């Protein structure tokens, strides 16, 4: 279990609450969910290959993150102002 206010990379669901580096080598993201954001917040990731992924929090509801496939790690969380993002890791196939 992670310390409150810190990211948790210990299971098959990554729980992200702040910027930083996801200390995993290449990994597959099957989807995810961003809750607790504020309207117009931006959540951004950049992988080692330079691919950037951005999501904007809507006025109502949450953000469903679709499958991203394989990310080249480590991955940098460049923006996450509010809320929690859960990224669901896939298997190696």
PDB file of N, CA and C in Angstrom:
ATOM      1  N   UNK A   1       0.847  -1.182   0.000  1.00  0.00           N
ATOM      2  CA  UNK A   1       0.000   0.000   0.000  1.00  0.00           C
ATOM      3  C   UNK A   1       0.890   1.241   0.000  1.00  0.00           C
ATOM      4  N   UNK A   2       0.490   2.218  -0.798  1.00  0.00           N
ATOM      5  CA  UNK A   2       1.296   3.441  -0.928  1.00  0.00           C
ATOM      6  C   UNK A   2       1.025   4.405   0.221  1.00  0.00           C
ATOM      7  N   UNK A   3       1.971   5.257   0.457  1.00  0.00           N
ATOM      8  CA  UNK A   3       1.816   6.347   1.419  1.00  0.00           C
ATOM      9  C   UNK A   3       0.871   7.370   0.791  1.00  0.00           C
ATOM     10  N   UNK A   4      -0.122   7.885   1.527  1.00  0.00           N
ATOM     11  CA  UNK A   4      -1.028   8.880   0.948  1.00  0.00           C
ATOM     12  C   UNK A   4      -0.251  10.036   0.311  1.00  0.00           C
ATOM     13  N   UNK A   5      -0.700  10.447  -0.878  1.00  0.00           N
ATOM     14  CA  UNK A   5      -0.041  11.541  -1.585  1.00  0.00           C
ATOM     15  C   UNK A   5       1.126  11.106  -2.454  1.00  0.00           C
ATOM     16  N   UNK A   6       1.374   9.780  -2.527  1.00  0.00           N
ATOM     17  CA  UNK A   6       2.456   9.272  -3.369  1.00  0.00           C
ATOM     18  C   UNK A   6       1.884   8.291  -4.392  1.00  0.00           C
ATOM     19  N   UNK A   7       2.618   8.092  -5.457  1.00  0.00           N
ATOM     20  CA  UNK A   7       2.213   7.138  -6.483  1.00  0.00           C
ATOM     21  C   UNK A   7       2.489   5.717  -6.006  1.00  0.00           C
ATOM     22  N   UNK A   8       1.663   4.774  -6.465  1.00  0.00           N
ATOM     23  CA  UNK A   8       1.815   3.370  -6.098  1.00  0.00           C
ATOM     24  C   UNK A   8       1.998   2.552  -7.372  1.00  0.00           C
ATOM     25  N   UNK A   9       3.175   1.955  -7.520  1.00  0.00           N
ATOM     26  CA  UNK A   9       3.502   1.148  -8.696  1.00  0.00           C
ATOM     27  C   UNK A   9       3.580  -0.334  -8.350  1.00  0.00           C
ATOM     28  N   UNK A  10       3.017  -0.754  -7.225  1.00  0.00           N
ATOM     29  CA  UNK A  10       3.272  -2.088  -6.687  1.00  0.00           C
ATOM     30  C   UNK A  10       2.380  -3.198  -7.249  1.00  0.00           C
ATOM     31  N   UNK A  11       1.330  -2.905  -7.976  1.00  0.00           N
ATOM     32  CA  UNK A  11       0.447  -3.962  -8.452  1.00  0.00           C
ATOM     33  C   UNK A  11       0.180  -3.864  -9.938  1.00  0.00           C
ATOM     34  N   UNK A  12      -0.860  -4.552 -10.382  1.00  0.00           N
ATOM     35  CA  UNK A  12      -1.257  -4.535 -11.790  1.00  0.00           C
ATOM     36  C   UNK A  12      -2.071  -3.287 -12.123  1.00  0.00           C
ATOM     37  N   UNK A  13      -2.445  -2.512 -11.092  1.00  0.00           N
ATOM     38  CA  UNK A  13      -3.088  -1.214 -11.297  1.00  0.00           C
ATOM     39  C   UNK A  13      -2.148  -0.163 -10.714  1.00  0.00           C
ATOM     40  N   UNK A  14      -1.623   0.701 -11.593  1.00  0.00           N
ATOM     41  CA  UNK A  14      -0.786   1.796 -11.120  1.00  0.00           C
ATOM     42  C   UNK A  14      -1.695   2.900 -10.620  1.00  0.00           C
ATOM     43  N   UNK A  15      -1.432   3.417  -9.433  1.00  0.00           N
ATOM     44  CA  UNK A  15      -2.236   4.497  -8.856  1.00  0.00           C
ATOM     45  C   UNK A  15      -1.365   5.744  -8.802  1.00  0.00           C
ATOM     46  N   UNK A  16      -1.763   6.750  -9.588  1.00  0.00           N
ATOM     47  CA  UNK A  16      -0.960   7.957  -9.754  1.00  0.00           C
ATOM     48  C   UNK A  16      -1.691   9.153  -9.172  1.00  0.00           C
ATOM     49  N   UNK A  17      -0.989   9.938  -8.345  1.00  0.00           N
ATOM     50  CA  UNK A  17      -1.584  11.135  -7.740  1.00  0.00           C
ATOM     51  C   UNK A  17      -0.708  12.372  -7.896  1.00  0.00           C
ATOM     52  N   UNK A  18       0.506  12.191  -8.434  1.00  0.00           N
ATOM     53  CA  UNK A  18       1.424  13.315  -8.574  1.00  0.00           C
ATOM     54  C   UNK A  18       2.370  13.073  -9.751  1.00  0.00           C
ATOM     55  N   UNK A  19       3.082  14.105 -10.160  1.00  0.00           N
ATOM     56  CA  UNK A  19       4.048  13.956 -11.239  1.00  0.00           C
ATOM     57  C   UNK A  19       5.247  13.147 -10.758  1.00  0.00           C
ATOM     58  N   UNK A  20       6.030  12.667 -11.706  1.00  0.00           N
ATOM     59  CA  UNK A  20       7.210  11.883 -11.376  1.00  0.00           C
ATOM     60  C   UNK A  20       7.487  10.866 -12.461  1.00  0.00           C
ATOM     61  N   UNK A  21       8.284   9.873 -12.138  1.00  0.00           N
ATOM     62  CA  UNK A  21       8.669   8.845 -13.099  1.00  0.00           C
ATOM     63  C   UNK A  21       8.097   7.498 -12.681  1.00  0.00           C
ATOM     64  N   UNK A  22       7.458   6.828 -13.624  1.00  0.00           N
ATOM     65  CA  UNK A  22       6.988   5.462 -13.396  1.00  0.00           C
ATOM     66  C   UNK A  22       8.195   4.558 -13.634  1.00  0.00           C
ATOM     67  N   UNK A  23       8.720   3.928 -12.584  1.00  0.00           N
ATOM     68  CA  UNK A  23      10.002   3.218 -12.672  1.00  0.00           C
ATOM     69  C   UNK A  23       9.880   1.796 -13.218  1.00  0.00           C
ATOM     70  N   UNK A  24       9.169   1.653 -14.312  1.00  0.00           N
ATOM     71  CA  UNK A  24       9.007   0.341 -14.936  1.00  0.00           C
ATOM     72  C   UNK A  24       9.646   0.376 -16.313  1.00  0.00           C
ATOM     73  N   UNK A  25      10.189  -0.762 -16.747  1.00  0.00           N
ATOM     74  CA  UNK A  25      10.683  -0.861 -18.115  1.00  0.00           C
ATOM     75  C   UNK A  25       9.445  -0.873 -19.017  1.00  0.00           C
ATOM     76  N   UNK A  26       9.553  -1.329 -20.216  1.00  0.00           N
ATOM     77  CA  UNK A  26       8.408  -1.334 -21.130  1.00  0.00           C
ATOM     78  C   UNK A  26       7.217  -2.040 -20.489  1.00  0.00           C
ATOM     79  N   UNK A  27       6.042  -1.427 -20.603  1.00  0.00           N
ATOM     80  CA  UNK A  27       4.841  -2.024 -20.027  1.00  0.00           C
ATOM     81  C   UNK A  27       3.626  -1.694 -20.888  1.00  0.00           C
ATOM     82  N   UNK A  28       2.624  -2.571 -20.792  1.00  0.00           N
ATOM     83  CA  UNK A  28       1.421  -2.466 -21.613  1.00  0.00           C
ATOM     84  C   UNK A  28       0.273  -1.902 -20.775  1.00  0.00           C
ATOM     85  N   UNK A  29      -0.396  -0.862 -21.294  1.00  0.00           N
ATOM     86  CA  UNK A  29      -1.543  -0.255 -20.611  1.00  0.00           C
ATOM     87  C   UNK A  29      -2.809  -0.656 -21.346  1.00  0.00           C
ATOM     88  N   UNK A  30      -3.676  -1.386 -20.646  1.00  0.00           N
ATOM     89  CA  UNK A  30      -4.943  -1.849 -21.228  1.00  0.00           C
ATOM     90  C   UNK A  30      -6.051  -0.822 -21.085  1.00  0.00           C
ATOM     91  N   UNK A  31      -5.876   0.180 -20.250  1.00  0.00           N
ATOM     92  CA  UNK A  31      -6.889   1.215 -20.043  1.00  0.00           C
ATOM     93  C   UNK A  31      -6.659   1.872 -18.701  1.00  0.00           C
ATOM     94  N   UNK A  32      -7.620   2.706 -18.317  1.00  0.00           N
ATOM     95  CA  UNK A  32      -7.482   3.372 -17.038  1.00  0.00           C
ATOM     96  C   UNK A  32      -8.643   4.289 -16.741  1.00  0.00           C
ATOM     97  N   UNK A  33      -8.550   4.976 -15.618  1.00  0.00           N
ATOM     98  CA  UNK A  33      -9.606   5.880 -15.173  1.00  0.00           C
ATOM     99  C   UNK A  33      -8.981   7.007 -14.373  1.00  0.00           C
ATOM    100  N   UNK A  34      -9.403   8.232 -14.672  1.00  0.00           N
ATOM    101  CA  UNK A  34      -8.958   9.413 -13.931  1.00  0.00           C
ATOM    102  C   UNK A  34     -10.166   9.982 -13.218  1.00  0.00           C
ATOM    103  N   UNK A  35     -10.102  10.052 -11.896  1.00  0.00           N
ATOM    104  CA  UNK A  35     -11.190  10.588 -11.078  1.00  0.00           C
ATOM    105  C   UNK A  35     -10.662  11.731 -10.224  1.00  0.00           C
ATOM    106  N   UNK A  36     -11.570  12.604  -9.784  1.00  0.00           N
ATOM    107  CA  UNK A  36     -11.207  13.650  -8.837  1.00  0.00           C
ATOM    108  C   UNK A  36     -10.489  14.847  -9.430  1.00  0.00           C
ATOM    109  N   UNK A  37     -10.480  14.957 -10.744  1.00  0.00           N
ATOM    110  CA  UNK A  37      -9.846  16.113 -11.377  1.00  0.00           C
ATOM    111  C   UNK A  37     -10.751  17.334 -11.320  1.00  0.00           C
ATOM    112  N   UNK A  38     -10.217  18.459 -11.746  1.00  0.00           N
ATOM    113  CA  UNK A  38     -10.949  19.717 -11.829  1.00  0.00           C
ATOM    114  C   UNK A  38     -11.083  20.072 -13.304  1.00  0.00           C
ATOM    115  N   UNK A  39     -12.201  20.675 -13.674  1.00  0.00           N
ATOM    116  CA  UNK A  39     -12.449  21.037 -15.066  1.00  0.00           C
ATOM    117  C   UNK A  39     -11.222  21.682 -15.695  1.00  0.00           C
ATOM    118  N   UNK A  40     -10.838  21.197 -16.849  1.00  0.00           N
ATOM    119  CA  UNK A  40      -9.702  21.673 -17.661  1.00  0.00           C
ATOM    120  C   UNK A  40      -8.325  21.252 -17.146  1.00  0.00           C
ATOM    121  N   UNK A  41      -8.248  20.475 -16.063  1.00  0.00           N
ATOM    122  CA  UNK A  41      -6.964  19.903 -15.663  1.00  0.00           C
ATOM    123  C   UNK A  41      -6.423  19.059 -16.810  1.00  0.00           C
ATOM    124  N   UNK A  42      -5.114  18.984 -16.927  1.00  0.00           N
ATOM    125  CA  UNK A  42      -4.479  18.152 -17.952  1.00  0.00           C
ATOM    126  C   UNK A  42      -3.590  17.118 -17.257  1.00  0.00           C
ATOM    127  N   UNK A  43      -3.783  15.859 -17.649  1.00  0.00           N
ATOM    128  CA  UNK A  43      -2.928  14.757 -17.220  1.00  0.00           C
ATOM    129  C   UNK A  43      -2.079  14.375 -18.426  1.00  0.00           C
ATOM    130  N   UNK A  44      -0.763  14.361 -18.266  1.00  0.00           N
ATOM    131  CA  UNK A  44       0.147  14.085 -19.383  1.00  0.00           C
ATOM    132  C   UNK A  44       1.213  13.071 -19.008  1.00  0.00           C
ATOM    133  N   UNK A  45       1.517  12.206 -19.965  1.00  0.00           N
ATOM    134  CA  UNK A  45       2.596  11.219 -19.851  1.00  0.00           C
ATOM    135  C   UNK A  45       3.505  11.348 -21.069  1.00  0.00           C
ATOM    136  N   UNK A  46       4.800  11.092 -20.882  1.00  0.00           N
ATOM    137  CA  UNK A  46       5.741  11.016 -21.990  1.00  0.00           C
ATOM    138  C   UNK A  46       6.583   9.763 -21.772  1.00  0.00           C
ATOM    139  N   UNK A  47       6.651   8.902 -22.813  1.00  0.00           N
ATOM    140  CA  UNK A  47       7.466   7.702 -22.651  1.00  0.00           C
ATOM    141  C   UNK A  47       8.876   7.938 -23.201  1.00  0.00           C
ATOM    142  N   UNK A  48       9.752   6.961 -23.006  1.00  0.00           N
ATOM    143  CA  UNK A  48      11.154   7.087 -23.418  1.00  0.00           C
ATOM    144  C   UNK A  48      11.306   7.273 -24.927  1.00  0.00           C
ATOM    145  N   UNK A  49      10.323   6.835 -25.705  1.00  0.00           N
ATOM    146  CA  UNK A  49      10.364   6.995 -27.160  1.00  0.00           C
ATOM    147  C   UNK A  49       9.913   8.392 -27.585  1.00  0.00           C
ATOM    148  N   UNK A  50       9.512   9.234 -26.607  1.00  0.00           N
ATOM    149  CA  UNK A  50       9.090  10.594 -26.909  1.00  0.00           C
ATOM    150  C   UNK A  50       7.620  10.739 -27.228  1.00  0.00           C
ATOM    151  N   UNK A  51       6.850   9.666 -27.094  1.00  0.00           N
ATOM    152  CA  UNK A  51       5.408   9.744 -27.345  1.00  0.00           C
ATOM    153  C   UNK A  51       4.734  10.409 -26.161  1.00  0.00           C
ATOM    154  N   UNK A  52       3.924  11.421 -26.437  1.00  0.00           N
ATOM    155  CA  UNK A  52       3.215  12.142 -25.382  1.00  0.00           C
ATOM    156  C   UNK A  52       1.731  11.821 -25.468  1.00  0.00           C
ATOM    157  N   UNK A  53       1.135  11.625 -24.306  1.00  0.00           N
ATOM    158  CA  UNK A  53      -0.292  11.342 -24.183  1.00  0.00           C
ATOM    159  C   UNK A  53      -0.893  12.379 -23.247  1.00  0.00           C
ATOM    160  N   UNK A  54      -1.996  13.008 -23.658  1.00  0.00           N
ATOM    161  CA  UNK A  54      -2.635  14.059 -22.864  1.00  0.00           C
ATOM    162  C   UNK A  54      -4.131  13.794 -22.746  1.00  0.00           C
ATOM    163  N   UNK A  55      -4.662  14.067 -21.565  1.00  0.00           N
ATOM    164  CA  UNK A  55      -6.102  13.995 -21.326  1.00  0.00           C
ATOM    165  C   UNK A  55      -6.521  15.265 -20.600  1.00  0.00           C
ATOM    166  N   UNK A  56      -7.735  15.749 -20.899  1.00  0.00           N
ATOM    167  CA  UNK A  56      -8.259  16.953 -20.254  1.00  0.00           C
ATOM    168  C   UNK A  56      -9.503  16.562 -19.463  1.00  0.00           C
ATOM    169  N   UNK A  57      -9.557  16.991 -18.206  1.00  0.00           N
ATOM    170  CA  UNK A  57     -10.690  16.630 -17.353  1.00  0.00           C
ATOM    171  C   UNK A  57     -11.920  17.436 -17.759  1.00  0.00           C
ATOM    172  N   UNK A  58     -13.070  16.762 -17.939  1.00  0.00           N
ATOM    173  CA  UNK A  58     -14.291  17.448 -18.372  1.00  0.00           C
ATOM    174  C   UNK A  58     -14.990  18.172 -17.215  1.00  0.00           C
ATOM    175  N   UNK A  59     -15.988  18.946 -17.587  1.00  0.00           N
ATOM    176  CA  UNK A  59     -16.774  19.648 -16.570  1.00  0.00           C
ATOM    177  C   UNK A  59     -17.561  18.658 -15.711  1.00  0.00           C
ATOM    178  N   UNK A  60     -18.065  17.605 -16.339  1.00  0.00           N
ATOM    179  CA  UNK A  60     -18.857  16.596 -15.626  1.00  0.00           C
ATOM    180  C   UNK A  60     -18.292  15.217 -15.903  1.00  0.00           C
ATOM    181  N   UNK A  61     -18.249  14.382 -14.886  1.00  0.00           N
ATOM    182  CA  UNK A  61     -17.812  13.001 -15.069  1.00  0.00           C
ATOM    183  C   UNK A  61     -16.330  12.806 -14.822  1.00  0.00           C
ATOM    184  N   UNK A  62     -15.831  11.667 -15.285  1.00  0.00           N
ATOM    185  CA  UNK A  62     -14.438  11.276 -15.128  1.00  0.00           C
ATOM    186  C   UNK A  62     -13.840  11.041 -16.506  1.00  0.00           C
ATOM    187  N   UNK A  63     -12.585  10.673 -16.552  1.00  0.00           N
ATOM    188  CA  UNK A  63     -11.918  10.409 -17.822  1.00  0.00           C
ATOM    189  C   UNK A  63     -11.597   8.921 -17.916  1.00  0.00           C
ATOM    190  N   UNK A  64     -12.158   8.264 -18.930  1.00  0.00           N
ATOM    191  CA  UNK A  64     -11.794   6.886 -19.236  1.00  0.00           C
ATOM    192  C   UNK A  64     -10.583   6.918 -20.160  1.00  0.00           C
ATOM    193  N   UNK A  65      -9.582   6.166 -19.813  1.00  0.00           N
ATOM    194  CA  UNK A  65      -8.360   6.113 -20.614  1.00  0.00           C
ATOM    195  C   UNK A  65      -8.399   4.826 -21.417  1.00  0.00           C
ATOM    196  N   UNK A  66      -8.390   4.962 -22.738  1.00  0.00           N
ATOM    197  CA  UNK A  66      -8.432   3.770 -23.572  1.00  0.00           C
ATOM    198  C   UNK A  66      -7.069   3.094 -23.636  1.00  0.00           C
ATOM    199  N   UNK A  67      -7.080   1.909 -24.204  1.00  0.00           N
ATOM    200  CA  UNK A  67      -5.855   1.128 -24.302  1.00  0.00           C
ATOM    201  C   UNK A  67      -4.782   1.912 -25.042  1.00  0.00           C
ATOM    202  N   UNK A  68      -3.591   1.945 -24.465  1.00  0.00           N
ATOM    203  CA  UNK A  68      -2.460   2.635 -25.087  1.00  0.00           C
ATOM    204  C   UNK A  68      -1.460   1.655 -25.668  1.00  0.00           C
ATOM    205  N   UNK A  69      -1.585   0.383 -25.336  1.00  0.00           N
ATOM    206  CA  UNK A  69      -0.611  -0.590 -25.800  1.00  0.00           C
ATOM    207  C   UNK A  69       0.684  -0.477 -25.005  1.00  0.00           C
ATOM    208  N   UNK A  70       1.796  -0.751 -25.683  1.00  0.00           N
ATOM    209  CA  UNK A  70       3.103  -0.769 -25.017  1.00  0.00           C
ATOM    210  C   UNK A  70       3.681   0.629 -24.912  1.00  0.00           C
ATOM    211  N   UNK A  71       4.125   0.982 -23.722  1.00  0.00           N
ATOM    212  CA  UNK A  71       4.845   2.232 -23.496  1.00  0.00           C
ATOM    213  C   UNK A  71       6.308   1.884 -23.229  1.00  0.00           C
ATOM    214  N   UNK A  72       7.202   2.697 -23.766  1.00  0.00           N
ATOM    215  CA  UNK A  72       8.635   2.503 -23.539  1.00  0.00           C
ATOM    216  C   UNK A  72       9.005   3.197 -22.238  1.00  0.00           C
ATOM    217  N   UNK A  73       9.349   2.409 -21.237  1.00  0.00           N
ATOM    218  CA  UNK A  73       9.622   2.978 -19.932  1.00  0.00           C
ATOM    219  C   UNK A  73      11.084   3.189 -19.676  1.00  0.00           C
ATOM    220  N   UNK A  74      11.391   3.960 -18.650  1.00  0.00           N
ATOM    221  CA  UNK A  74      10.429   4.557 -17.729  1.00  0.00           C
ATOM    222  C   UNK A  74       9.620   5.671 -18.393  1.00  0.00           C
ATOM    223  N   UNK A  75       8.443   5.911 -17.828  1.00  0.00           N
ATOM    224  CA  UNK A  75       7.510   6.916 -18.342  1.00  0.00           C
ATOM    225  C   UNK A  75       7.456   8.070 -17.349  1.00  0.00           C
ATOM    226  N   UNK A  76       7.447   9.290 -17.869  1.00  0.00           N
ATOM    227  CA  UNK A  76       7.398  10.471 -17.016  1.00  0.00           C
ATOM    228  C   UNK A  76       5.989  11.043 -16.987  1.00  0.00           C
ATOM    229  N   UNK A  77       5.468  11.248 -15.780  1.00  0.00           N
ATOM    230  CA  UNK A  77       4.180  11.926 -15.589  1.00  0.00           C
ATOM    231  C   UNK A  77       4.520  13.410 -15.529  1.00  0.00           C
ATOM    232  N   UNK A  78       4.173  14.154 -16.565  1.00  0.00           N
ATOM    233  CA  UNK A  78       4.567  15.565 -16.622  1.00  0.00           C
ATOM    234  C   UNK A  78       3.516  16.501 -16.045  1.00  0.00           C
ATOM    235  N   UNK A  79       2.258  16.029 -15.946  1.00  0.00           N
ATOM    236  CA  UNK A  79       1.202  16.874 -15.382  1.00  0.00           C
ATOM    237  C   UNK A  79       0.101  16.005 -14.796  1.00  0.00           C
ATOM    238  N   UNK A  80      -0.267  16.290 -13.550  1.00  0.00           N
ATOM    239  CA  UNK A  80      -1.405  15.664 -12.874  1.00  0.00           C
ATOM    240  C   UNK A  80      -1.764  16.559 -11.688  1.00  0.00           C
ATOM    241  N   UNK A  81      -2.525  17.655 -11.960  1.00  0.00           N
ATOM    242  CA  UNK A  81      -2.782  18.644 -10.909  1.00  0.00           C
ATOM    243  C   UNK A  81      -3.715  18.178  -9.786  1.00  0.00           C
ATOM    244  N   UNK A  82      -4.724  17.373 -10.117  1.00  0.00           N
ATOM    245  CA  UNK A  82      -5.703  16.933  -9.112  1.00  0.00           C
ATOM    246  C   UNK A  82      -6.181  15.519  -9.426  1.00  0.00           C
ATOM    247  N   UNK A  83      -6.630  14.837  -8.387  1.00  0.00           N
ATOM    248  CA  UNK A  83      -7.268  13.544  -8.561  1.00  0.00           C
ATOM    249  C   UNK A  83      -6.305  12.376  -8.570  1.00  0.00           C
ATOM    250  N   UNK A  84      -6.859  11.216  -8.953  1.00  0.00           N
ATOM    251  CA  UNK A  84      -6.096   9.975  -9.025  1.00  0.00           C
ATOM    252  C   UNK A  84      -6.320   9.331 -10.379  1.00  0.00           C
ATOM    253  N   UNK A  85      -5.229   8.869 -10.979  1.00  0.00           N
ATOM    254  CA  UNK A  85      -5.298   8.114 -12.222  1.00  0.00           C
ATOM    255  C   UNK A  85      -4.945   6.674 -11.905  1.00  0.00           C
ATOM    256  N   UNK A  86      -5.765   5.758 -12.384  1.00  0.00           N
ATOM    257  CA  UNK A  86      -5.463   4.342 -12.301  1.00  0.00           C
ATOM    258  C   UNK A  86      -5.173   3.862 -13.722  1.00  0.00           C
ATOM    259  N   UNK A  87      -3.997   3.264 -13.903  1.00  0.00           N
ATOM    260  CA  UNK A  87      -3.652   2.664 -15.195  1.00  0.00           C
ATOM    261  C   UNK A  87      -3.636   1.156 -15.011  1.00  0.00           C
ATOM    262  N   UNK A  88      -4.396   0.466 -15.850  1.00  0.00           N
ATOM    263  CA  UNK A  88      -4.533  -0.979 -15.752  1.00  0.00           C
ATOM    264  C   UNK A  88      -3.501  -1.647 -16.677  1.00  0.00           C
ATOM    265  N   UNK A  89      -2.584  -2.390 -16.078  1.00  0.00           N
ATOM    266  CA  UNK A  89      -1.525  -3.015 -16.858  1.00  0.00           C
ATOM    267  C   UNK A  89      -1.997  -4.309 -17.498  1.00  0.00           C
ATOM    268  N   UNK A  90      -1.548  -4.524 -18.718  1.00  0.00           N
ATOM    269  CA  UNK A  90      -1.878  -5.753 -19.449  1.00  0.00           C
ATOM    270  C   UNK A  90      -0.795  -6.784 -19.266  1.00  0.00           C
ATOM    271  N   UNK A  91      -1.020  -7.923 -19.883  1.00  0.00           N
ATOM    272  CA  UNK A  91      -0.042  -9.002 -19.832  1.00  0.00           C
ATOM    273  C   UNK A  91       0.957  -8.805 -20.960  1.00  0.00           C
ATOM    274  N   UNK A  92       1.968  -9.638 -20.995  1.00  0.00           N
ATOM    275  CA  UNK A  92       3.029  -9.520 -21.985  1.00  0.00           C
ATOM    276  C   UNK A  92       2.664  -9.978 -23.377  1.00  0.00           C
ATOM    277  N   UNK A  93       1.429 -10.379 -23.613  1.00  0.00           N
ATOM    278  CA  UNK A  93       1.046 -10.879 -24.943  1.00  0.00           C
ATOM    279  C   UNK A  93       0.507  -9.793 -25.809  1.00  0.00           C
TER     280      UNK A  93
END
